Amino acid sequence: MKKILLIVIAILLISLSSVANIAQASSSATVASTVTIQSVSVSVGSGTVTYGTLATNTSESTIVSDLNDTQTVTNNGNVAEDFTVKGQNSANWTLAASAGSDQYVHKFCTSSCGTPPTNFSALTTSYQSLASNVAAAGTANLDLQITTPTSSSVTTQQTVDVTILAAAH
């Protein structure tokens, strides 16, 4: 019985040794993987337009023959971006499609913004397309034109900001 038990143990040891050798006969490989976090970022230089003091129902623009203050919108991210633009109501004036009593018009243009101002589109308080598929570090030009209300009960300075939004293309 001892011989049989010793033979069984020897067979088991040989079997385990074979399994161990099979397990040791493996290899590995590496898949090189990298990742970059998407960055969506926009800037506007100079980012400030000063129209000055204007009479009622008067227009002024940033084109060369007026203020010569074209704004450059830059994709500071690392992916292609779409830019959208919107205007706003001021504290006392409403942004409108045409000038009226306490209603002003603000327009934008991205190319061929001729003299007198041509190719301008009216801003609204909702986002609208400014430029599409702008490459990382790419730019888009932005000219603005304001028309003051036909009449106004308010003669203090109004803030008529324009907002540029960037989104991944």
N, C-alpha and C. Protein backbone atom coordinates (compact mmCIF):
# COMPACT_ATOMS: atom_id res chain seq x y z
N MET A 1 0.82 -1.17 0.00
CA MET A 1 0.00 0.00 0.00
C MET A 1 0.88 1.25 0.00
N LYS A 2 2.01 1.17 0.73
CA LYS A 2 2.91 2.30 0.76
C LYS A 2 3.50 2.55 -0.62
N LYS A 3 3.79 1.45 -1.37
CA LYS A 3 4.35 1.61 -2.70
C LYS A 3 3.35 2.28 -3.63
N ILE A 4 2.09 1.90 -3.53
CA ILE A 4 1.05 2.48 -4.38
C ILE A 4 0.88 3.96 -4.03
N LEU A 5 0.86 4.26 -2.78
CA LEU A 5 0.72 5.64 -2.34
C LEU A 5 1.91 6.47 -2.81
N LEU A 6 3.12 5.93 -2.73
CA LEU A 6 4.31 6.63 -3.19
C LEU A 6 4.27 6.83 -4.70
N ILE A 7 3.77 5.85 -5.44
CA ILE A 7 3.66 5.97 -6.89
C ILE A 7 2.64 7.06 -7.25
N VAL A 8 1.51 7.08 -6.56
CA VAL A 8 0.48 8.10 -6.81
C VAL A 8 1.03 9.49 -6.50
N ILE A 9 1.74 9.62 -5.42
CA ILE A 9 2.33 10.91 -5.06
C ILE A 9 3.36 11.32 -6.11
N ALA A 10 4.15 10.40 -6.58
CA ALA A 10 5.15 10.71 -7.61
C ALA A 10 4.47 11.16 -8.89
N ILE A 11 3.39 10.46 -9.28
CA ILE A 11 2.64 10.85 -10.49
C ILE A 11 2.07 12.25 -10.32
N LEU A 12 1.52 12.55 -9.17
CA LEU A 12 0.96 13.88 -8.90
C LEU A 12 2.05 14.95 -8.97
N LEU A 13 3.21 14.66 -8.43
CA LEU A 13 4.30 15.63 -8.47
C LEU A 13 4.76 15.87 -9.90
N ILE A 14 4.83 14.81 -10.69
CA ILE A 14 5.20 14.95 -12.09
C ILE A 14 4.15 15.76 -12.83
N SER A 15 2.88 15.50 -12.55
CA SER A 15 1.79 16.25 -13.19
C SER A 15 1.83 17.71 -12.80
N LEU A 16 2.04 17.99 -11.53
CA LEU A 16 2.11 19.38 -11.08
C LEU A 16 3.32 20.08 -11.69
N SER A 17 4.41 19.39 -11.82
CA SER A 17 5.59 19.95 -12.43
C SER A 17 5.33 20.29 -13.88
N SER A 18 4.61 19.47 -14.60
CA SER A 18 4.26 19.74 -16.00
C SER A 18 3.36 20.96 -16.11
N VAL A 19 2.39 21.07 -15.21
CA VAL A 19 1.49 22.22 -15.21
C VAL A 19 2.27 23.49 -14.92
N ALA A 20 3.19 23.42 -13.98
CA ALA A 20 4.00 24.58 -13.63
C ALA A 20 4.85 25.00 -14.82
N ASN A 21 5.41 24.03 -15.53
CA ASN A 21 6.21 24.35 -16.71
C ASN A 21 5.35 24.98 -17.80
N ILE A 22 4.14 24.54 -17.96
CA ILE A 22 3.23 25.14 -18.94
C ILE A 22 2.94 26.59 -18.55
N ALA A 23 2.67 26.84 -17.30
CA ALA A 23 2.37 28.19 -16.84
C ALA A 23 3.59 29.10 -17.01
N GLN A 24 4.78 28.54 -16.87
CA GLN A 24 5.98 29.34 -17.02
C GLN A 24 6.31 29.60 -18.48
N ALA A 25 5.67 28.93 -19.39
CA ALA A 25 5.96 29.09 -20.81
C ALA A 25 5.05 30.15 -21.42
N SER A 26 4.87 31.29 -20.77
CA SER A 26 4.02 32.36 -21.28
C SER A 26 4.87 33.61 -21.55
N SER A 27 4.27 34.57 -22.23
CA SER A 27 4.95 35.84 -22.47
C SER A 27 3.91 36.95 -22.40
N SER A 28 4.36 38.18 -22.39
CA SER A 28 3.44 39.32 -22.34
C SER A 28 3.88 40.37 -23.34
N ALA A 29 2.95 41.25 -23.66
CA ALA A 29 3.22 42.38 -24.54
C ALA A 29 2.49 43.59 -23.99
N THR A 30 2.93 44.76 -24.37
CA THR A 30 2.33 46.00 -23.88
C THR A 30 1.68 46.76 -25.03
N VAL A 31 0.52 47.30 -24.76
CA VAL A 31 -0.13 48.21 -25.70
C VAL A 31 0.16 49.62 -25.20
N ALA A 32 0.93 50.39 -25.95
CA ALA A 32 1.25 51.77 -25.55
C ALA A 32 -0.01 52.61 -25.72
N SER A 33 -0.44 53.23 -24.66
CA SER A 33 -1.67 54.03 -24.68
C SER A 33 -1.41 55.42 -24.13
N THR A 34 -1.98 56.42 -24.79
CA THR A 34 -1.87 57.80 -24.31
C THR A 34 -3.25 58.44 -24.38
N VAL A 35 -3.44 59.50 -23.65
CA VAL A 35 -4.69 60.25 -23.68
C VAL A 35 -4.39 61.71 -23.39
N THR A 36 -5.14 62.60 -24.03
CA THR A 36 -5.04 64.03 -23.78
C THR A 36 -6.43 64.55 -23.45
N ILE A 37 -6.54 65.31 -22.41
CA ILE A 37 -7.82 65.90 -22.04
C ILE A 37 -8.16 67.01 -23.03
N GLN A 38 -9.38 66.99 -23.53
CA GLN A 38 -9.85 68.01 -24.47
C GLN A 38 -9.93 69.35 -23.75
N SER A 39 -9.42 70.37 -24.40
CA SER A 39 -9.48 71.72 -23.86
C SER A 39 -10.20 72.62 -24.87
N VAL A 40 -11.29 73.22 -24.43
CA VAL A 40 -12.03 74.18 -25.26
C VAL A 40 -11.86 75.54 -24.58
N SER A 41 -11.28 76.49 -25.33
CA SER A 41 -10.98 77.79 -24.73
C SER A 41 -10.98 78.85 -25.82
N VAL A 42 -11.47 80.02 -25.48
CA VAL A 42 -11.54 81.12 -26.45
C VAL A 42 -11.10 82.42 -25.77
N SER A 43 -10.48 83.28 -26.55
CA SER A 43 -10.15 84.63 -26.06
C SER A 43 -10.47 85.62 -27.16
N VAL A 44 -10.65 86.86 -26.76
CA VAL A 44 -10.92 87.94 -27.71
C VAL A 44 -9.95 89.07 -27.38
N GLY A 45 -9.17 89.46 -28.38
CA GLY A 45 -8.22 90.56 -28.18
C GLY A 45 -8.67 91.74 -29.00
N SER A 46 -8.74 92.88 -28.52
CA SER A 46 -8.48 93.38 -27.19
C SER A 46 -9.59 93.08 -26.20
N GLY A 47 -10.73 92.69 -26.71
CA GLY A 47 -11.84 92.37 -25.83
C GLY A 47 -12.61 93.57 -25.33
N THR A 48 -12.27 94.76 -25.83
CA THR A 48 -12.95 95.98 -25.41
C THR A 48 -13.22 96.85 -26.63
N VAL A 49 -14.47 97.30 -26.74
CA VAL A 49 -14.84 98.26 -27.79
C VAL A 49 -15.48 99.45 -27.08
N THR A 50 -14.94 100.63 -27.33
CA THR A 50 -15.50 101.84 -26.76
C THR A 50 -16.09 102.67 -27.89
N TYR A 51 -17.41 102.68 -27.97
CA TYR A 51 -18.08 103.44 -29.03
C TYR A 51 -18.07 104.94 -28.75
N GLY A 52 -17.92 105.31 -27.50
CA GLY A 52 -17.91 106.73 -27.15
C GLY A 52 -19.32 107.27 -26.94
N THR A 53 -19.45 108.58 -26.97
CA THR A 53 -20.74 109.24 -26.81
C THR A 53 -21.33 109.48 -28.20
N LEU A 54 -22.51 108.92 -28.43
CA LEU A 54 -23.15 109.03 -29.74
C LEU A 54 -24.52 109.69 -29.61
N ALA A 55 -24.93 110.38 -30.64
CA ALA A 55 -26.27 110.97 -30.68
C ALA A 55 -27.29 109.85 -30.86
N THR A 56 -28.57 110.16 -30.65
CA THR A 56 -29.61 109.16 -30.90
C THR A 56 -29.63 108.81 -32.38
N ASN A 57 -30.04 107.59 -32.67
CA ASN A 57 -30.18 107.07 -34.03
C ASN A 57 -28.90 107.25 -34.86
N THR A 58 -27.76 106.95 -34.22
CA THR A 58 -26.45 107.08 -34.87
C THR A 58 -25.76 105.73 -34.84
N SER A 59 -25.02 105.43 -35.91
CA SER A 59 -24.28 104.17 -35.99
C SER A 59 -22.79 104.41 -35.90
N GLU A 60 -22.10 103.46 -35.33
CA GLU A 60 -20.63 103.46 -35.24
C GLU A 60 -20.20 102.01 -35.33
N SER A 61 -19.04 101.76 -35.94
CA SER A 61 -18.56 100.38 -36.09
C SER A 61 -17.08 100.28 -35.78
N THR A 62 -16.61 99.05 -35.75
CA THR A 62 -15.20 98.80 -35.48
C THR A 62 -14.38 98.64 -36.76
N ILE A 63 -14.99 98.85 -37.93
CA ILE A 63 -14.23 98.70 -39.18
C ILE A 63 -13.16 99.78 -39.28
N VAL A 64 -12.24 99.59 -40.19
CA VAL A 64 -11.07 100.48 -40.33
C VAL A 64 -11.45 101.94 -40.47
N SER A 65 -12.48 102.24 -41.27
CA SER A 65 -12.83 103.65 -41.51
C SER A 65 -13.59 104.29 -40.35
N ASP A 66 -14.01 103.50 -39.35
CA ASP A 66 -14.67 104.07 -38.16
C ASP A 66 -13.69 104.00 -36.98
N LEU A 67 -13.88 103.07 -36.08
CA LEU A 67 -13.03 102.97 -34.89
C LEU A 67 -11.72 102.21 -35.13
N ASN A 68 -11.63 101.48 -36.23
CA ASN A 68 -10.46 100.65 -36.54
C ASN A 68 -10.11 99.76 -35.34
N ASP A 69 -11.09 98.96 -34.90
CA ASP A 69 -10.93 98.14 -33.69
C ASP A 69 -11.49 96.73 -33.91
N THR A 70 -11.14 96.12 -35.04
CA THR A 70 -11.56 94.74 -35.30
C THR A 70 -11.06 93.85 -34.17
N GLN A 71 -11.91 92.99 -33.66
CA GLN A 71 -11.56 92.08 -32.59
C GLN A 71 -11.11 90.74 -33.20
N THR A 72 -10.10 90.14 -32.62
CA THR A 72 -9.62 88.83 -33.07
C THR A 72 -10.04 87.79 -32.04
N VAL A 73 -10.83 86.82 -32.51
CA VAL A 73 -11.30 85.72 -31.65
C VAL A 73 -10.35 84.55 -31.88
N THR A 74 -9.74 84.04 -30.81
CA THR A 74 -8.71 83.01 -30.92
C THR A 74 -9.13 81.73 -30.22
N ASN A 75 -8.92 80.60 -30.90
CA ASN A 75 -9.12 79.29 -30.30
C ASN A 75 -7.88 78.97 -29.47
N ASN A 76 -8.00 79.05 -28.16
CA ASN A 76 -6.89 78.75 -27.25
C ASN A 76 -6.92 77.30 -26.78
N GLY A 77 -7.85 76.51 -27.32
CA GLY A 77 -7.96 75.11 -26.93
C GLY A 77 -7.04 74.23 -27.75
N ASN A 78 -7.24 72.91 -27.61
CA ASN A 78 -6.41 71.95 -28.34
C ASN A 78 -7.21 71.10 -29.33
N VAL A 79 -8.45 71.52 -29.61
CA VAL A 79 -9.31 70.86 -30.60
C VAL A 79 -9.95 71.93 -31.47
N ALA A 80 -10.44 71.53 -32.63
CA ALA A 80 -11.18 72.47 -33.48
C ALA A 80 -12.43 72.93 -32.73
N GLU A 81 -12.77 74.20 -32.90
CA GLU A 81 -13.92 74.77 -32.17
C GLU A 81 -14.87 75.49 -33.11
N ASP A 82 -16.12 75.57 -32.66
CA ASP A 82 -17.13 76.40 -33.31
C ASP A 82 -17.39 77.58 -32.38
N PHE A 83 -17.40 78.78 -32.95
CA PHE A 83 -17.68 79.99 -32.17
C PHE A 83 -19.10 80.45 -32.46
N THR A 84 -19.81 80.81 -31.39
CA THR A 84 -21.11 81.45 -31.53
C THR A 84 -21.08 82.77 -30.80
N VAL A 85 -22.03 83.65 -31.12
CA VAL A 85 -22.02 85.01 -30.59
C VAL A 85 -23.44 85.43 -30.23
N LYS A 86 -23.56 86.25 -29.19
CA LYS A 86 -24.86 86.84 -28.84
C LYS A 86 -24.66 88.21 -28.22
N GLY A 87 -25.70 89.02 -28.31
CA GLY A 87 -25.71 90.34 -27.68
C GLY A 87 -26.50 90.28 -26.39
N GLN A 88 -26.80 91.46 -25.85
CA GLN A 88 -27.58 91.52 -24.61
C GLN A 88 -28.36 92.81 -24.54
N ASN A 89 -29.39 92.79 -23.74
CA ASN A 89 -30.08 94.03 -23.40
C ASN A 89 -29.20 94.76 -22.40
N SER A 90 -29.20 96.08 -22.44
CA SER A 90 -28.48 96.83 -21.41
C SER A 90 -29.43 97.05 -20.25
N ALA A 91 -28.99 97.79 -19.27
CA ALA A 91 -29.85 98.07 -18.12
C ALA A 91 -31.12 98.83 -18.54
N ASN A 92 -31.02 99.66 -19.60
CA ASN A 92 -32.16 100.51 -19.96
C ASN A 92 -32.59 100.38 -21.42
N TRP A 93 -31.83 99.68 -22.25
CA TRP A 93 -32.16 99.54 -23.66
C TRP A 93 -32.38 98.08 -24.00
N THR A 94 -33.24 97.86 -24.96
CA THR A 94 -33.52 96.51 -25.45
C THR A 94 -32.82 96.32 -26.79
N LEU A 95 -32.15 95.18 -26.93
CA LEU A 95 -31.52 94.83 -28.20
C LEU A 95 -32.64 94.45 -29.17
N ALA A 96 -32.68 95.11 -30.33
CA ALA A 96 -33.77 94.88 -31.27
C ALA A 96 -33.24 94.81 -32.70
N ALA A 97 -34.09 94.38 -33.62
CA ALA A 97 -33.72 94.28 -35.04
C ALA A 97 -33.65 95.65 -35.69
N SER A 98 -34.38 96.61 -35.14
CA SER A 98 -34.33 97.97 -35.66
C SER A 98 -34.40 98.95 -34.48
N ALA A 99 -33.78 100.10 -34.67
CA ALA A 99 -33.74 101.10 -33.61
C ALA A 99 -35.13 101.67 -33.35
N GLY A 100 -35.40 101.94 -32.10
CA GLY A 100 -36.67 102.53 -31.68
C GLY A 100 -36.45 103.26 -30.37
N SER A 101 -37.51 103.62 -29.71
CA SER A 101 -37.42 104.28 -28.42
C SER A 101 -36.84 103.29 -27.40
N ASP A 102 -35.69 103.60 -26.84
CA ASP A 102 -34.97 102.73 -25.91
C ASP A 102 -34.69 101.33 -26.48
N GLN A 103 -34.60 101.25 -27.80
CA GLN A 103 -34.23 100.01 -28.48
C GLN A 103 -33.01 100.29 -29.36
N TYR A 104 -31.97 99.51 -29.17
CA TYR A 104 -30.75 99.70 -29.95
C TYR A 104 -30.50 98.49 -30.83
N VAL A 105 -29.65 98.66 -31.83
CA VAL A 105 -29.28 97.57 -32.74
C VAL A 105 -27.78 97.34 -32.60
N HIS A 106 -27.41 96.08 -32.51
CA HIS A 106 -26.00 95.71 -32.46
C HIS A 106 -25.80 94.63 -33.51
N LYS A 107 -24.81 94.79 -34.37
CA LYS A 107 -24.58 93.84 -35.46
C LYS A 107 -23.15 93.34 -35.42
N PHE A 108 -22.92 92.20 -36.11
CA PHE A 108 -21.57 91.65 -36.21
C PHE A 108 -21.27 91.24 -37.64
N CYS A 109 -19.98 91.20 -37.94
CA CYS A 109 -19.50 90.81 -39.27
C CYS A 109 -18.16 90.11 -39.09
N THR A 110 -17.94 89.05 -39.89
CA THR A 110 -16.68 88.31 -39.78
C THR A 110 -15.78 88.46 -41.00
N SER A 111 -16.33 88.87 -42.14
CA SER A 111 -15.49 89.05 -43.32
C SER A 111 -16.17 89.99 -44.31
N SER A 112 -15.38 90.65 -45.12
CA SER A 112 -15.88 91.61 -46.12
C SER A 112 -16.78 92.65 -45.47
N CYS A 113 -16.34 93.18 -44.38
CA CYS A 113 -17.10 94.18 -43.62
C CYS A 113 -16.76 95.55 -44.20
N GLY A 114 -17.32 95.86 -45.35
CA GLY A 114 -16.93 97.04 -46.12
C GLY A 114 -17.40 98.35 -45.57
N THR A 115 -17.05 99.42 -46.31
CA THR A 115 -17.42 100.79 -45.98
C THR A 115 -18.43 101.29 -46.99
N PRO A 116 -19.59 101.85 -46.62
CA PRO A 116 -20.10 101.84 -45.24
C PRO A 116 -20.32 100.40 -44.79
N PRO A 117 -20.47 100.19 -43.50
CA PRO A 117 -20.57 98.81 -43.02
C PRO A 117 -21.55 97.97 -43.84
N THR A 118 -21.02 96.88 -44.41
CA THR A 118 -21.82 95.92 -45.17
C THR A 118 -21.56 94.52 -44.63
N ASN A 119 -22.43 93.61 -44.96
CA ASN A 119 -22.33 92.20 -44.55
C ASN A 119 -22.44 91.99 -43.04
N PHE A 120 -23.11 92.87 -42.36
CA PHE A 120 -23.32 92.72 -40.92
C PHE A 120 -24.63 91.98 -40.67
N SER A 121 -24.66 91.18 -39.62
CA SER A 121 -25.86 90.46 -39.18
C SER A 121 -26.27 90.97 -37.82
N ALA A 122 -27.55 91.11 -37.59
CA ALA A 122 -28.04 91.61 -36.30
C ALA A 122 -27.81 90.59 -35.20
N LEU A 123 -27.26 91.06 -34.10
CA LEU A 123 -27.13 90.22 -32.91
C LEU A 123 -28.49 90.05 -32.26
N THR A 124 -28.68 88.95 -31.59
CA THR A 124 -29.87 88.72 -30.77
C THR A 124 -29.38 88.29 -29.39
N THR A 125 -30.30 88.03 -28.50
CA THR A 125 -29.91 87.57 -27.16
C THR A 125 -29.75 86.05 -27.14
N SER A 126 -29.82 85.41 -28.30
CA SER A 126 -29.56 83.97 -28.44
C SER A 126 -28.28 83.79 -29.25
N TYR A 127 -27.60 82.68 -29.00
CA TYR A 127 -26.36 82.43 -29.74
C TYR A 127 -26.63 82.13 -31.20
N GLN A 128 -25.77 82.67 -32.07
CA GLN A 128 -25.80 82.39 -33.50
C GLN A 128 -24.38 82.18 -33.99
N SER A 129 -24.25 81.50 -35.10
CA SER A 129 -22.93 81.10 -35.60
C SER A 129 -22.05 82.30 -35.91
N LEU A 130 -20.82 82.24 -35.45
CA LEU A 130 -19.80 83.25 -35.75
C LEU A 130 -18.74 82.65 -36.68
N ALA A 131 -18.20 81.48 -36.31
CA ALA A 131 -17.20 80.79 -37.13
C ALA A 131 -17.25 79.31 -36.78
N SER A 132 -16.98 78.48 -37.78
CA SER A 132 -17.09 77.04 -37.59
C SER A 132 -15.76 76.35 -37.89
N ASN A 133 -15.48 75.32 -37.12
CA ASN A 133 -14.31 74.45 -37.34
C ASN A 133 -12.99 75.25 -37.34
N VAL A 134 -12.85 76.10 -36.35
CA VAL A 134 -11.62 76.90 -36.20
C VAL A 134 -10.56 76.02 -35.54
N ALA A 135 -9.45 75.80 -36.22
CA ALA A 135 -8.39 74.93 -35.72
C ALA A 135 -7.79 75.49 -34.43
N ALA A 136 -7.17 74.60 -33.65
CA ALA A 136 -6.46 75.04 -32.45
C ALA A 136 -5.46 76.12 -32.85
N ALA A 137 -5.42 77.20 -32.11
CA ALA A 137 -4.59 78.39 -32.35
C ALA A 137 -5.09 79.20 -33.55
N GLY A 138 -6.19 78.79 -34.16
CA GLY A 138 -6.77 79.55 -35.27
C GLY A 138 -7.54 80.76 -34.78
N THR A 139 -7.85 81.66 -35.70
CA THR A 139 -8.54 82.89 -35.33
C THR A 139 -9.70 83.18 -36.28
N ALA A 140 -10.57 84.05 -35.84
CA ALA A 140 -11.64 84.61 -36.66
C ALA A 140 -11.73 86.10 -36.33
N ASN A 141 -11.94 86.92 -37.35
CA ASN A 141 -12.10 88.35 -37.12
C ASN A 141 -13.55 88.66 -36.79
N LEU A 142 -13.75 89.68 -35.98
CA LEU A 142 -15.08 90.10 -35.57
C LEU A 142 -15.15 91.62 -35.59
N ASP A 143 -16.02 92.15 -36.45
CA ASP A 143 -16.32 93.58 -36.41
C ASP A 143 -17.72 93.75 -35.87
N LEU A 144 -17.93 94.85 -35.17
CA LEU A 144 -19.23 95.16 -34.56
C LEU A 144 -19.72 96.51 -35.04
N GLN A 145 -21.03 96.66 -35.04
CA GLN A 145 -21.65 97.95 -35.37
C GLN A 145 -22.84 98.17 -34.44
N ILE A 146 -22.91 99.35 -33.85
CA ILE A 146 -24.03 99.68 -32.98
C ILE A 146 -24.82 100.82 -33.61
N THR A 147 -26.12 100.78 -33.41
CA THR A 147 -27.00 101.90 -33.76
C THR A 147 -27.78 102.24 -32.49
N THR A 148 -27.66 103.47 -32.04
CA THR A 148 -28.31 103.90 -30.80
C THR A 148 -29.82 104.04 -31.01
N PRO A 149 -30.59 104.04 -29.91
CA PRO A 149 -32.04 104.19 -30.03
C PRO A 149 -32.43 105.51 -30.74
N THR A 150 -33.61 105.52 -31.35
CA THR A 150 -34.10 106.73 -32.02
C THR A 150 -34.41 107.81 -31.00
N SER A 151 -34.77 107.38 -29.80
CA SER A 151 -34.94 108.30 -28.67
C SER A 151 -34.74 107.48 -27.40
N SER A 152 -34.33 108.17 -26.34
CA SER A 152 -34.10 107.46 -25.09
C SER A 152 -34.32 108.37 -23.91
N SER A 153 -34.92 107.81 -22.89
CA SER A 153 -35.13 108.55 -21.65
C SER A 153 -33.88 108.46 -20.77
N VAL A 154 -32.88 107.68 -21.20
CA VAL A 154 -31.67 107.45 -20.43
C VAL A 154 -30.47 107.94 -21.21
N THR A 155 -29.67 108.80 -20.59
CA THR A 155 -28.47 109.31 -21.26
C THR A 155 -27.18 108.88 -20.58
N THR A 156 -27.29 107.96 -19.61
CA THR A 156 -26.09 107.45 -18.96
C THR A 156 -25.48 106.33 -19.79
N GLN A 157 -24.22 106.07 -19.55
CA GLN A 157 -23.51 105.01 -20.28
C GLN A 157 -24.22 103.67 -20.12
N GLN A 158 -24.37 102.93 -21.23
CA GLN A 158 -25.01 101.63 -21.23
C GLN A 158 -23.95 100.55 -21.55
N THR A 159 -24.05 99.41 -20.90
CA THR A 159 -23.17 98.28 -21.18
C THR A 159 -23.87 97.37 -22.17
N VAL A 160 -23.26 97.22 -23.34
CA VAL A 160 -23.87 96.45 -24.44
C VAL A 160 -22.90 95.33 -24.85
N ASP A 161 -22.54 94.50 -23.89
CA ASP A 161 -21.55 93.45 -24.11
C ASP A 161 -21.99 92.46 -25.19
N VAL A 162 -20.98 91.86 -25.81
CA VAL A 162 -21.16 90.79 -26.79
C VAL A 162 -20.43 89.58 -26.22
N THR A 163 -21.09 88.42 -26.22
CA THR A 163 -20.51 87.20 -25.65
C THR A 163 -20.17 86.23 -26.76
N ILE A 164 -18.96 85.69 -26.71
CA ILE A 164 -18.50 84.68 -27.65
C ILE A 164 -18.42 83.35 -26.88
N LEU A 165 -19.02 82.32 -27.44
CA LEU A 165 -18.99 80.98 -26.83
C LEU A 165 -18.24 80.04 -27.75
N ALA A 166 -17.34 79.24 -27.18
CA ALA A 166 -16.61 78.23 -27.95
C ALA A 166 -17.12 76.86 -27.55
N ALA A 167 -17.28 75.99 -28.54
CA ALA A 167 -17.67 74.59 -28.29
C ALA A 167 -16.82 73.71 -29.21
N ALA A 168 -16.53 72.51 -28.76
CA ALA A 168 -15.77 71.59 -29.60
C ALA A 168 -16.54 71.33 -30.89
N HIS A 169 -15.81 71.33 -32.00
CA HIS A 169 -16.44 71.12 -33.32
C HIS A 169 -16.92 69.69 -33.43
